[in-house]
Amino acid sequence: MSNAARNLVLIGDPSQLPQVIQGAHPLPADQSCLQWILDENSIIQPVHGIFLSVTRRMHPDLCRYTSTQFYQGQLSAHSSKEFQFLSTADLPGTGAWLIPVRHVKPVQECSEEIEVIKETFENFLSGTCRDKDGRSCPLRRYDIIFVAPYDAQINALSDVLPDILVGTVDRFQGQEAPVVLMSMTASSAEETSRGLD
């Protein structure tokens, strides 16, 4: 259809999640249209389009990392996001952080991680969340989503914590929540069935 048009407007973000299953095509046909226009750049150049440099989804503490890693430092958080804050015992109020879990060679399911996730979840439920307008309210079950790379871990989390929002990154793409708990399951690239990609 694009061959019949005088103008073509592409809207999207090639830094978002790529398709899980991809065809095998020679260069450059293996790229999306936006990737082809971007060439080697991380963000669209002014001659080709408009880069939306403000996100309304992330607190500045999260946005700084994402901006540096994927958007040449050009992405910033909307000022309203600075007010968002979690108040829970022993856990930071904003940002991304790691809770190390000792385990031996889990591949697609990790019971040790599930126990730590359950404790962390219960800790969050005793806390509060301040929204972008500065209002505080108790954290509820549906304010927390759980992301895992494998169906086996998703099913195991669902068994231990029924009625939670749990799924792969694909399920939650385009959504947001005050808290996202990620279960990585495997502890090294060698233990993953699909590799780090």
N, C-alpha and C. Protein backbone atom coordinates (compact mmCIF):
# COMPACT_ATOMS: atom_id res chain seq x y z
N MET A 1 0.82 -1.20 0.00
CA MET A 1 0.00 0.00 0.00
C MET A 1 0.86 1.26 0.00
N SER A 2 2.02 1.19 0.62
CA SER A 2 2.86 2.39 0.69
C SER A 2 3.32 2.83 -0.70
N ASN A 3 3.40 1.91 -1.65
CA ASN A 3 3.80 2.27 -3.01
C ASN A 3 2.77 3.15 -3.70
N ALA A 4 1.52 3.08 -3.25
CA ALA A 4 0.46 3.87 -3.87
C ALA A 4 0.26 5.21 -3.19
N ALA A 5 0.96 5.45 -2.09
CA ALA A 5 0.75 6.68 -1.32
C ALA A 5 1.79 7.73 -1.66
N ARG A 6 1.42 9.01 -1.54
CA ARG A 6 2.38 10.09 -1.69
C ARG A 6 3.15 10.33 -0.41
N ASN A 7 2.49 10.08 0.73
CA ASN A 7 3.12 10.28 2.04
C ASN A 7 2.86 9.05 2.91
N LEU A 8 3.80 8.79 3.79
CA LEU A 8 3.67 7.67 4.70
C LEU A 8 4.11 8.14 6.08
N VAL A 9 3.25 7.96 7.08
CA VAL A 9 3.57 8.36 8.44
C VAL A 9 3.76 7.09 9.27
N LEU A 10 4.94 6.95 9.86
CA LEU A 10 5.23 5.81 10.71
C LEU A 10 5.24 6.27 12.16
N ILE A 11 4.53 5.57 13.02
CA ILE A 11 4.47 5.92 14.43
C ILE A 11 4.89 4.70 15.23
N GLY A 12 5.84 4.87 16.11
CA GLY A 12 6.26 3.73 16.92
C GLY A 12 7.61 3.97 17.55
N ASP A 13 8.11 2.92 18.17
CA ASP A 13 9.39 2.99 18.87
C ASP A 13 10.16 1.70 18.60
N PRO A 14 11.14 1.73 17.71
CA PRO A 14 11.89 0.52 17.40
C PRO A 14 12.74 0.01 18.57
N SER A 15 12.86 0.81 19.65
CA SER A 15 13.59 0.33 20.83
C SER A 15 12.69 -0.50 21.73
N GLN A 16 11.40 -0.58 21.41
CA GLN A 16 10.50 -1.43 22.18
C GLN A 16 10.75 -2.89 21.82
N LEU A 17 10.00 -3.76 22.45
CA LEU A 17 10.18 -5.19 22.28
C LEU A 17 10.01 -5.61 20.82
N PRO A 18 10.99 -6.31 20.25
CA PRO A 18 10.83 -6.81 18.88
C PRO A 18 9.91 -8.04 18.88
N GLN A 19 9.52 -8.46 17.69
CA GLN A 19 8.72 -9.66 17.58
C GLN A 19 9.49 -10.86 18.13
N VAL A 20 8.77 -11.76 18.82
CA VAL A 20 9.43 -12.95 19.38
C VAL A 20 9.85 -13.88 18.26
N ILE A 21 8.97 -14.08 17.28
CA ILE A 21 9.28 -14.94 16.14
C ILE A 21 9.50 -14.03 14.94
N GLN A 22 10.65 -14.19 14.31
CA GLN A 22 10.96 -13.35 13.17
C GLN A 22 11.34 -14.21 11.98
N GLY A 23 10.97 -13.73 10.82
CA GLY A 23 11.37 -14.43 9.61
C GLY A 23 12.84 -14.21 9.33
N ALA A 24 13.41 -15.05 8.50
CA ALA A 24 14.82 -14.91 8.13
C ALA A 24 14.88 -14.18 6.78
N HIS A 25 15.23 -12.91 6.84
CA HIS A 25 15.30 -12.09 5.64
C HIS A 25 16.69 -11.49 5.53
N PRO A 26 17.19 -11.26 4.33
CA PRO A 26 18.51 -10.63 4.17
C PRO A 26 18.44 -9.15 4.56
N LEU A 27 19.58 -8.59 4.91
CA LEU A 27 19.67 -7.16 5.22
C LEU A 27 19.28 -6.35 3.99
N PRO A 28 18.61 -5.24 4.10
CA PRO A 28 18.02 -4.64 5.28
C PRO A 28 16.57 -5.05 5.49
N ALA A 29 16.08 -6.06 4.75
CA ALA A 29 14.67 -6.44 4.83
C ALA A 29 14.32 -7.06 6.19
N ASP A 30 15.31 -7.39 7.00
CA ASP A 30 15.04 -7.97 8.31
C ASP A 30 14.67 -6.90 9.34
N GLN A 31 14.78 -5.63 8.98
CA GLN A 31 14.48 -4.53 9.89
C GLN A 31 13.06 -4.01 9.68
N SER A 32 12.52 -3.38 10.73
CA SER A 32 11.24 -2.69 10.57
C SER A 32 11.50 -1.41 9.77
N CYS A 33 10.43 -0.78 9.29
CA CYS A 33 10.57 0.48 8.54
C CYS A 33 11.28 1.54 9.39
N LEU A 34 10.88 1.65 10.67
CA LEU A 34 11.49 2.66 11.54
C LEU A 34 12.98 2.36 11.77
N GLN A 35 13.32 1.09 11.95
CA GLN A 35 14.74 0.76 12.13
C GLN A 35 15.54 1.14 10.90
N TRP A 36 14.97 0.93 9.74
CA TRP A 36 15.67 1.26 8.50
C TRP A 36 15.89 2.76 8.39
N ILE A 37 14.89 3.56 8.77
CA ILE A 37 15.03 5.02 8.73
C ILE A 37 16.04 5.51 9.77
N LEU A 38 16.03 4.89 10.96
CA LEU A 38 16.97 5.30 12.01
C LEU A 38 18.41 5.00 11.64
N ASP A 39 18.62 3.94 10.85
CA ASP A 39 19.96 3.51 10.47
C ASP A 39 20.76 3.17 11.72
N GLU A 40 21.83 3.85 12.02
CA GLU A 40 22.65 3.54 13.19
C GLU A 40 22.27 4.37 14.41
N ASN A 41 21.30 5.25 14.29
CA ASN A 41 20.91 6.14 15.38
C ASN A 41 19.94 5.46 16.34
N SER A 42 19.93 5.93 17.59
CA SER A 42 18.99 5.42 18.59
C SER A 42 17.67 6.18 18.56
N ILE A 43 17.72 7.42 18.11
CA ILE A 43 16.50 8.23 18.03
C ILE A 43 16.39 8.81 16.62
N ILE A 44 15.18 9.18 16.27
CA ILE A 44 14.92 9.72 14.93
C ILE A 44 15.61 11.07 14.77
N GLN A 45 16.21 11.29 13.65
CA GLN A 45 16.85 12.56 13.36
C GLN A 45 15.80 13.57 12.88
N PRO A 46 15.96 14.85 13.19
CA PRO A 46 14.94 15.86 12.83
C PRO A 46 14.58 15.88 11.35
N VAL A 47 15.49 15.53 10.48
CA VAL A 47 15.20 15.54 9.05
C VAL A 47 14.20 14.44 8.68
N HIS A 48 14.10 13.39 9.51
CA HIS A 48 13.20 12.27 9.21
C HIS A 48 11.91 12.24 10.03
N GLY A 49 11.89 12.95 11.16
CA GLY A 49 10.69 12.87 11.97
C GLY A 49 10.81 13.58 13.30
N ILE A 50 9.91 13.26 14.20
CA ILE A 50 9.84 13.91 15.50
C ILE A 50 10.10 12.87 16.59
N PHE A 51 11.03 13.16 17.46
CA PHE A 51 11.29 12.31 18.62
C PHE A 51 10.54 12.89 19.81
N LEU A 52 9.64 12.10 20.40
CA LEU A 52 8.90 12.55 21.58
C LEU A 52 9.80 12.32 22.79
N SER A 53 10.34 13.39 23.33
CA SER A 53 11.41 13.30 24.31
C SER A 53 10.95 13.25 25.77
N VAL A 54 9.65 13.29 26.00
CA VAL A 54 9.12 13.27 27.37
C VAL A 54 8.22 12.05 27.53
N THR A 55 8.49 11.26 28.56
CA THR A 55 7.64 10.11 28.86
C THR A 55 6.77 10.41 30.07
N ARG A 56 5.57 9.95 30.04
CA ARG A 56 4.64 10.13 31.16
C ARG A 56 4.44 8.82 31.89
N ARG A 57 5.35 7.88 31.69
CA ARG A 57 5.19 6.57 32.29
C ARG A 57 6.18 6.27 33.41
N MET A 58 7.34 6.89 33.40
CA MET A 58 8.40 6.51 34.34
C MET A 58 8.78 7.63 35.28
N HIS A 59 9.09 7.24 36.50
CA HIS A 59 9.69 8.16 37.46
C HIS A 59 11.07 8.55 36.93
N PRO A 60 11.56 9.75 37.23
CA PRO A 60 12.88 10.16 36.75
C PRO A 60 14.01 9.18 37.10
N ASP A 61 13.89 8.50 38.26
CA ASP A 61 14.93 7.53 38.64
C ASP A 61 14.99 6.36 37.67
N LEU A 62 13.88 5.96 37.09
CA LEU A 62 13.88 4.90 36.08
C LEU A 62 14.24 5.45 34.71
N CYS A 63 13.74 6.63 34.43
CA CYS A 63 13.92 7.24 33.12
C CYS A 63 15.39 7.51 32.80
N ARG A 64 16.16 7.89 33.80
CA ARG A 64 17.59 8.22 33.54
C ARG A 64 18.32 7.05 32.91
N TYR A 65 18.13 5.87 33.46
CA TYR A 65 18.80 4.68 32.90
C TYR A 65 18.32 4.39 31.49
N THR A 66 17.00 4.36 31.31
CA THR A 66 16.42 4.06 30.00
C THR A 66 16.88 5.08 28.96
N SER A 67 16.91 6.35 29.34
CA SER A 67 17.34 7.41 28.43
C SER A 67 18.79 7.21 27.98
N THR A 68 19.65 6.91 28.95
CA THR A 68 21.07 6.73 28.65
C THR A 68 21.31 5.50 27.78
N GLN A 69 20.65 4.40 28.10
CA GLN A 69 20.90 3.14 27.41
C GLN A 69 20.27 3.04 26.02
N PHE A 70 19.11 3.69 25.83
CA PHE A 70 18.36 3.45 24.59
C PHE A 70 18.05 4.69 23.76
N TYR A 71 18.17 5.89 24.36
CA TYR A 71 17.73 7.09 23.66
C TYR A 71 18.76 8.21 23.66
N GLN A 72 20.01 7.88 23.66
CA GLN A 72 21.10 8.86 23.57
C GLN A 72 20.98 9.97 24.63
N GLY A 73 20.40 9.63 25.78
CA GLY A 73 20.25 10.61 26.86
C GLY A 73 19.21 11.68 26.58
N GLN A 74 18.38 11.49 25.57
CA GLN A 74 17.43 12.52 25.14
C GLN A 74 16.03 12.37 25.72
N LEU A 75 15.76 11.27 26.44
CA LEU A 75 14.43 11.04 27.00
C LEU A 75 14.38 11.53 28.44
N SER A 76 13.33 12.24 28.81
CA SER A 76 13.17 12.70 30.19
C SER A 76 11.77 12.39 30.68
N ALA A 77 11.64 12.30 32.01
CA ALA A 77 10.33 12.02 32.61
C ALA A 77 9.54 13.31 32.77
N HIS A 78 8.25 13.22 32.58
CA HIS A 78 7.37 14.36 32.79
C HIS A 78 7.45 14.79 34.26
N SER A 79 7.35 16.07 34.51
CA SER A 79 7.53 16.59 35.87
C SER A 79 6.52 16.01 36.86
N SER A 80 5.35 15.59 36.41
CA SER A 80 4.35 15.03 37.31
C SER A 80 4.80 13.71 37.93
N LYS A 81 5.72 13.03 37.28
CA LYS A 81 6.18 11.72 37.77
C LYS A 81 7.10 11.84 38.99
N GLU A 82 7.63 13.02 39.25
CA GLU A 82 8.53 13.21 40.39
C GLU A 82 7.83 12.99 41.73
N PHE A 83 6.51 13.16 41.75
CA PHE A 83 5.77 13.02 43.00
C PHE A 83 5.50 11.57 43.38
N GLN A 84 5.59 10.66 42.41
CA GLN A 84 5.29 9.26 42.69
C GLN A 84 6.34 8.66 43.62
N PHE A 85 5.85 7.92 44.61
CA PHE A 85 6.77 7.36 45.61
C PHE A 85 6.07 6.20 46.31
N LEU A 86 6.85 5.16 46.62
CA LEU A 86 6.34 4.03 47.39
C LEU A 86 6.90 4.10 48.79
N SER A 87 6.08 3.83 49.77
CA SER A 87 6.53 3.81 51.15
C SER A 87 6.32 2.41 51.69
N THR A 88 7.41 1.64 51.76
CA THR A 88 7.36 0.27 52.26
C THR A 88 8.58 0.01 53.12
N ALA A 89 8.46 -0.93 54.03
CA ALA A 89 9.58 -1.25 54.92
C ALA A 89 10.73 -1.87 54.14
N ASP A 90 11.92 -1.36 54.35
CA ASP A 90 13.17 -1.94 53.82
C ASP A 90 13.29 -1.95 52.30
N LEU A 91 12.44 -1.22 51.58
CA LEU A 91 12.54 -1.20 50.13
C LEU A 91 12.61 0.25 49.66
N PRO A 92 13.38 0.53 48.59
CA PRO A 92 13.48 1.91 48.09
C PRO A 92 12.12 2.42 47.60
N GLY A 93 11.94 3.72 47.63
CA GLY A 93 10.69 4.32 47.21
C GLY A 93 10.55 4.50 45.72
N THR A 94 11.68 4.55 45.00
CA THR A 94 11.65 4.71 43.54
C THR A 94 12.83 3.97 42.94
N GLY A 95 12.79 3.81 41.62
CA GLY A 95 13.93 3.25 40.90
C GLY A 95 13.85 1.75 40.70
N ALA A 96 14.92 1.20 40.17
CA ALA A 96 15.05 -0.24 39.94
C ALA A 96 16.09 -0.78 40.91
N TRP A 97 15.85 -1.92 41.47
CA TRP A 97 16.79 -2.50 42.42
C TRP A 97 16.70 -4.02 42.37
N LEU A 98 17.71 -4.65 42.92
CA LEU A 98 17.87 -6.10 42.84
C LEU A 98 17.79 -6.72 44.23
N ILE A 99 17.07 -7.82 44.32
CA ILE A 99 17.09 -8.64 45.53
C ILE A 99 17.77 -9.95 45.12
N PRO A 100 19.03 -10.16 45.55
CA PRO A 100 19.72 -11.38 45.15
C PRO A 100 19.09 -12.62 45.79
N VAL A 101 19.00 -13.69 45.02
CA VAL A 101 18.44 -14.95 45.50
C VAL A 101 19.42 -16.07 45.17
N ARG A 102 19.81 -16.82 46.18
CA ARG A 102 20.72 -17.94 45.95
C ARG A 102 19.93 -19.15 45.46
N HIS A 103 20.38 -19.72 44.35
CA HIS A 103 19.77 -20.94 43.84
C HIS A 103 20.77 -21.66 42.96
N VAL A 104 20.49 -22.93 42.68
CA VAL A 104 21.40 -23.75 41.90
C VAL A 104 20.71 -24.18 40.62
N LYS A 105 21.20 -23.68 39.52
CA LYS A 105 20.82 -24.05 38.17
C LYS A 105 19.32 -24.16 37.89
N PRO A 106 18.53 -23.19 38.26
CA PRO A 106 17.15 -23.23 37.78
C PRO A 106 17.14 -22.86 36.30
N VAL A 107 16.26 -23.44 35.55
CA VAL A 107 16.22 -23.12 34.13
C VAL A 107 14.94 -22.36 33.79
N GLN A 108 13.79 -22.97 33.99
CA GLN A 108 12.54 -22.29 33.65
C GLN A 108 11.61 -22.11 34.84
N GLU A 109 11.98 -22.64 35.99
CA GLU A 109 11.20 -22.45 37.20
C GLU A 109 12.15 -22.39 38.39
N CYS A 110 11.92 -21.44 39.28
CA CYS A 110 12.83 -21.25 40.42
C CYS A 110 12.02 -21.04 41.69
N SER A 111 11.92 -22.07 42.51
CA SER A 111 11.11 -21.99 43.74
C SER A 111 11.74 -21.03 44.75
N GLU A 112 13.07 -20.91 44.75
CA GLU A 112 13.72 -19.98 45.67
C GLU A 112 13.32 -18.53 45.37
N GLU A 113 13.25 -18.18 44.10
CA GLU A 113 12.82 -16.83 43.72
C GLU A 113 11.36 -16.61 44.09
N ILE A 114 10.55 -17.62 43.93
CA ILE A 114 9.13 -17.48 44.23
C ILE A 114 8.93 -17.16 45.71
N GLU A 115 9.70 -17.78 46.58
CA GLU A 115 9.58 -17.50 48.02
C GLU A 115 9.96 -16.05 48.33
N VAL A 116 11.03 -15.57 47.72
CA VAL A 116 11.46 -14.19 47.94
C VAL A 116 10.44 -13.22 47.36
N ILE A 117 9.90 -13.55 46.20
CA ILE A 117 8.89 -12.70 45.58
C ILE A 117 7.65 -12.62 46.46
N LYS A 118 7.24 -13.75 47.04
CA LYS A 118 6.07 -13.76 47.93
C LYS A 118 6.29 -12.84 49.13
N GLU A 119 7.46 -12.92 49.75
CA GLU A 119 7.79 -12.05 50.89
C GLU A 119 7.79 -10.57 50.47
N THR A 120 8.40 -10.29 49.32
CA THR A 120 8.47 -8.91 48.83
C THR A 120 7.07 -8.38 48.53
N PHE A 121 6.25 -9.20 47.91
CA PHE A 121 4.86 -8.83 47.60
C PHE A 121 4.11 -8.48 48.88
N GLU A 122 4.22 -9.31 49.90
CA GLU A 122 3.53 -9.06 51.17
C GLU A 122 4.06 -7.78 51.83
N ASN A 123 5.35 -7.52 51.69
CA ASN A 123 5.94 -6.29 52.21
C ASN A 123 5.33 -5.07 51.52
N PHE A 124 5.20 -5.15 50.21
CA PHE A 124 4.59 -4.04 49.47
C PHE A 124 3.14 -3.81 49.89
N LEU A 125 2.40 -4.87 50.14
CA LEU A 125 0.99 -4.72 50.50
C LEU A 125 0.80 -4.04 51.85
N SER A 126 1.86 -3.96 52.64
CA SER A 126 1.76 -3.23 53.91
C SER A 126 2.16 -1.76 53.73
N GLY A 127 2.49 -1.36 52.51
CA GLY A 127 2.95 0.00 52.25
C GLY A 127 1.91 0.85 51.55
N THR A 128 2.36 2.05 51.20
CA THR A 128 1.49 2.99 50.50
C THR A 128 2.14 3.46 49.21
N CYS A 129 1.32 4.04 48.36
CA CYS A 129 1.76 4.56 47.07
C CYS A 129 1.29 6.00 46.95
N ARG A 130 2.20 6.90 46.57
CA ARG A 130 1.82 8.30 46.32
C ARG A 130 1.77 8.48 44.81
N ASP A 131 0.65 8.98 44.29
CA ASP A 131 0.49 9.11 42.85
C ASP A 131 1.03 10.45 42.34
N LYS A 132 0.86 10.70 41.04
CA LYS A 132 1.41 11.90 40.42
C LYS A 132 0.79 13.19 40.94
N ASP A 133 -0.38 13.08 41.57
CA ASP A 133 -1.04 14.26 42.15
C ASP A 133 -0.71 14.44 43.62
N GLY A 134 0.16 13.58 44.17
CA GLY A 134 0.57 13.68 45.57
C GLY A 134 -0.36 12.99 46.55
N ARG A 135 -1.38 12.27 46.04
CA ARG A 135 -2.30 11.54 46.91
C ARG A 135 -1.70 10.20 47.31
N SER A 136 -1.84 9.84 48.59
CA SER A 136 -1.35 8.55 49.08
C SER A 136 -2.51 7.61 49.31
N CYS A 137 -2.28 6.33 49.00
CA CYS A 137 -3.27 5.29 49.26
C CYS A 137 -2.54 3.98 49.50
N PRO A 138 -3.18 3.03 50.16
CA PRO A 138 -2.53 1.73 50.39
C PRO A 138 -2.28 1.03 49.06
N LEU A 139 -1.17 0.30 48.97
CA LEU A 139 -0.91 -0.51 47.78
C LEU A 139 -1.86 -1.70 47.80
N ARG A 140 -2.46 -2.00 46.65
CA ARG A 140 -3.38 -3.12 46.53
C ARG A 140 -2.77 -4.18 45.63
N ARG A 141 -3.34 -5.35 45.65
CA ARG A 141 -2.82 -6.48 44.87
C ARG A 141 -2.65 -6.11 43.39
N TYR A 142 -3.63 -5.43 42.83
CA TYR A 142 -3.58 -5.13 41.39
C TYR A 142 -2.68 -3.94 41.07
N ASP A 143 -2.05 -3.32 42.09
CA ASP A 143 -1.05 -2.28 41.85
C ASP A 143 0.32 -2.88 41.53
N ILE A 144 0.42 -4.19 41.65
CA ILE A 144 1.70 -4.89 41.47
C ILE A 144 1.54 -5.91 40.36
N ILE A 145 2.43 -5.85 39.37
CA ILE A 145 2.43 -6.87 38.32
C ILE A 145 3.71 -7.68 38.41
N PHE A 146 3.63 -8.92 37.98
CA PHE A 146 4.74 -9.86 38.05
C PHE A 146 5.11 -10.29 36.64
N VAL A 147 6.38 -10.15 36.31
CA VAL A 147 6.86 -10.49 34.97
C VAL A 147 7.89 -11.61 35.10
N ALA A 148 7.76 -12.63 34.27
CA ALA A 148 8.71 -13.74 34.25
C ALA A 148 8.91 -14.17 32.79
N PRO A 149 10.08 -14.71 32.46
CA PRO A 149 10.35 -15.05 31.06
C PRO A 149 9.76 -16.39 30.61
N TYR A 150 9.37 -17.25 31.55
CA TYR A 150 8.94 -18.60 31.18
C TYR A 150 7.56 -18.93 31.73
N ASP A 151 6.78 -19.66 30.96
CA ASP A 151 5.45 -20.07 31.40
C ASP A 151 5.51 -20.91 32.68
N ALA A 152 6.54 -21.74 32.82
CA ALA A 152 6.65 -22.57 34.03
C ALA A 152 6.74 -21.69 35.28
N GLN A 153 7.51 -20.61 35.22
CA GLN A 153 7.63 -19.71 36.36
C GLN A 153 6.34 -18.91 36.57
N ILE A 154 5.71 -18.52 35.49
CA ILE A 154 4.43 -17.82 35.57
C ILE A 154 3.39 -18.70 36.27
N ASN A 155 3.30 -19.96 35.87
CA ASN A 155 2.34 -20.87 36.47
C ASN A 155 2.65 -21.12 37.94
N ALA A 156 3.93 -21.27 38.27
CA ALA A 156 4.32 -21.50 39.66
C ALA A 156 4.00 -20.28 40.53
N LEU A 157 4.25 -19.07 40.01
CA LEU A 157 3.90 -17.85 40.74
C LEU A 157 2.38 -17.76 40.95
N SER A 158 1.61 -18.11 39.93
CA SER A 158 0.15 -18.09 40.03
C SER A 158 -0.36 -19.07 41.07
N ASP A 159 0.32 -20.21 41.20
CA ASP A 159 -0.09 -21.20 42.20
C ASP A 159 0.13 -20.69 43.61
N VAL A 160 1.27 -20.01 43.83
CA VAL A 160 1.62 -19.52 45.17
C VAL A 160 0.86 -18.24 45.51
N LEU A 161 0.66 -17.39 44.51
CA LEU A 161 -0.03 -16.11 44.71
C LEU A 161 -1.23 -16.03 43.76
N PRO A 162 -2.33 -16.70 44.09
CA PRO A 162 -3.48 -16.67 43.18
C PRO A 162 -4.04 -15.25 43.02
N ASP A 163 -4.68 -15.03 41.90
CA ASP A 163 -5.32 -13.74 41.61
C ASP A 163 -4.34 -12.57 41.50
N ILE A 164 -3.12 -12.84 41.04
CA ILE A 164 -2.17 -11.75 40.78
C ILE A 164 -2.10 -11.52 39.28
N LEU A 165 -1.57 -10.40 38.89
CA LEU A 165 -1.34 -10.10 37.47
C LEU A 165 0.07 -10.57 37.13
N VAL A 166 0.17 -11.69 36.42
CA VAL A 166 1.48 -12.27 36.11
C VAL A 166 1.50 -12.67 34.64
N GLY A 167 2.65 -12.45 34.00
CA GLY A 167 2.79 -12.84 32.60
C GLY A 167 4.18 -12.50 32.09
N THR A 168 4.37 -12.70 30.80
CA THR A 168 5.64 -12.36 30.15
C THR A 168 5.64 -10.86 29.83
N VAL A 169 6.77 -10.35 29.38
CA VAL A 169 6.87 -8.95 28.98
C VAL A 169 5.85 -8.66 27.88
N ASP A 170 5.63 -9.61 26.99
CA ASP A 170 4.67 -9.41 25.90
C ASP A 170 3.27 -9.12 26.43
N ARG A 171 2.86 -9.80 27.47
CA ARG A 171 1.51 -9.59 28.02
C ARG A 171 1.33 -8.16 28.53
N PHE A 172 2.35 -7.61 29.16
CA PHE A 172 2.22 -6.32 29.81
C PHE A 172 2.71 -5.15 28.95
N GLN A 173 3.16 -5.42 27.74
CA GLN A 173 3.66 -4.33 26.91
C GLN A 173 2.58 -3.27 26.71
N GLY A 174 2.95 -2.02 26.97
CA GLY A 174 2.02 -0.92 26.84
C GLY A 174 1.24 -0.63 28.11
N GLN A 175 1.46 -1.41 29.16
CA GLN A 175 0.76 -1.20 30.42
C GLN A 175 1.73 -0.64 31.45
N GLU A 176 1.21 -0.20 32.58
CA GLU A 176 2.05 0.29 33.65
C GLU A 176 1.42 -0.04 34.99
N ALA A 177 2.21 0.02 36.04
CA ALA A 177 1.75 -0.26 37.40
C ALA A 177 2.70 0.44 38.36
N PRO A 178 2.23 0.74 39.58
CA PRO A 178 3.14 1.34 40.55
C PRO A 178 4.36 0.47 40.86
N VAL A 179 4.16 -0.87 40.84
CA VAL A 179 5.25 -1.79 41.16
C VAL A 179 5.28 -2.91 40.12
N VAL A 180 6.48 -3.22 39.63
CA VAL A 180 6.69 -4.36 38.75
C VAL A 180 7.77 -5.23 39.39
N LEU A 181 7.43 -6.48 39.66
CA LEU A 181 8.40 -7.43 40.19
C LEU A 181 8.77 -8.39 39.07
N MET A 182 10.07 -8.47 38.78
CA MET A 182 10.55 -9.34 37.71
C MET A 182 11.25 -10.55 38.30
N SER A 183 10.88 -11.70 37.82
CA SER A 183 11.54 -12.94 38.21
C SER A 183 12.37 -13.40 37.03
N MET A 184 13.69 -13.36 37.18
CA MET A 184 14.57 -13.72 36.06
C MET A 184 14.72 -15.23 35.89
N THR A 185 14.45 -16.00 36.93
CA THR A 185 14.45 -17.46 36.94
C THR A 185 15.86 -18.04 36.82
N ALA A 186 16.51 -17.86 35.69
CA ALA A 186 17.86 -18.38 35.49
C ALA A 186 18.87 -17.34 35.94
N SER A 187 20.05 -17.81 36.34
CA SER A 187 21.05 -16.88 36.87
C SER A 187 22.20 -16.60 35.90
N SER A 188 22.21 -17.25 34.75
CA SER A 188 23.26 -16.96 33.77
C SER A 188 22.76 -17.28 32.37
N ALA A 189 23.44 -16.76 31.37
CA ALA A 189 23.04 -16.98 29.98
C ALA A 189 23.10 -18.45 29.62
N GLU A 190 24.04 -19.17 30.20
CA GLU A 190 24.21 -20.59 29.88
C GLU A 190 23.00 -21.42 30.33
N GLU A 191 22.28 -20.91 31.35
CA GLU A 191 21.15 -21.66 31.90
C GLU A 191 19.84 -21.36 31.19
N THR A 192 19.84 -20.37 30.30
CA THR A 192 18.59 -20.01 29.62
C THR A 192 18.43 -20.84 28.36
N SER A 193 17.19 -21.14 28.04
CA SER A 193 16.92 -21.96 26.85
C SER A 193 17.03 -21.16 25.56
N ARG A 194 16.82 -19.82 25.64
CA ARG A 194 16.85 -19.01 24.43
C ARG A 194 18.01 -18.01 24.38
N GLY A 195 18.88 -18.04 25.38
CA GLY A 195 19.97 -17.07 25.42
C GLY A 195 19.49 -15.74 25.97
N LEU A 196 20.40 -14.80 26.13
CA LEU A 196 20.05 -13.51 26.73
C LEU A 196 19.10 -12.69 25.87
N ASP A 197 19.20 -12.78 24.55
CA ASP A 197 18.31 -12.02 23.68
C ASP A 197 16.86 -12.38 23.93
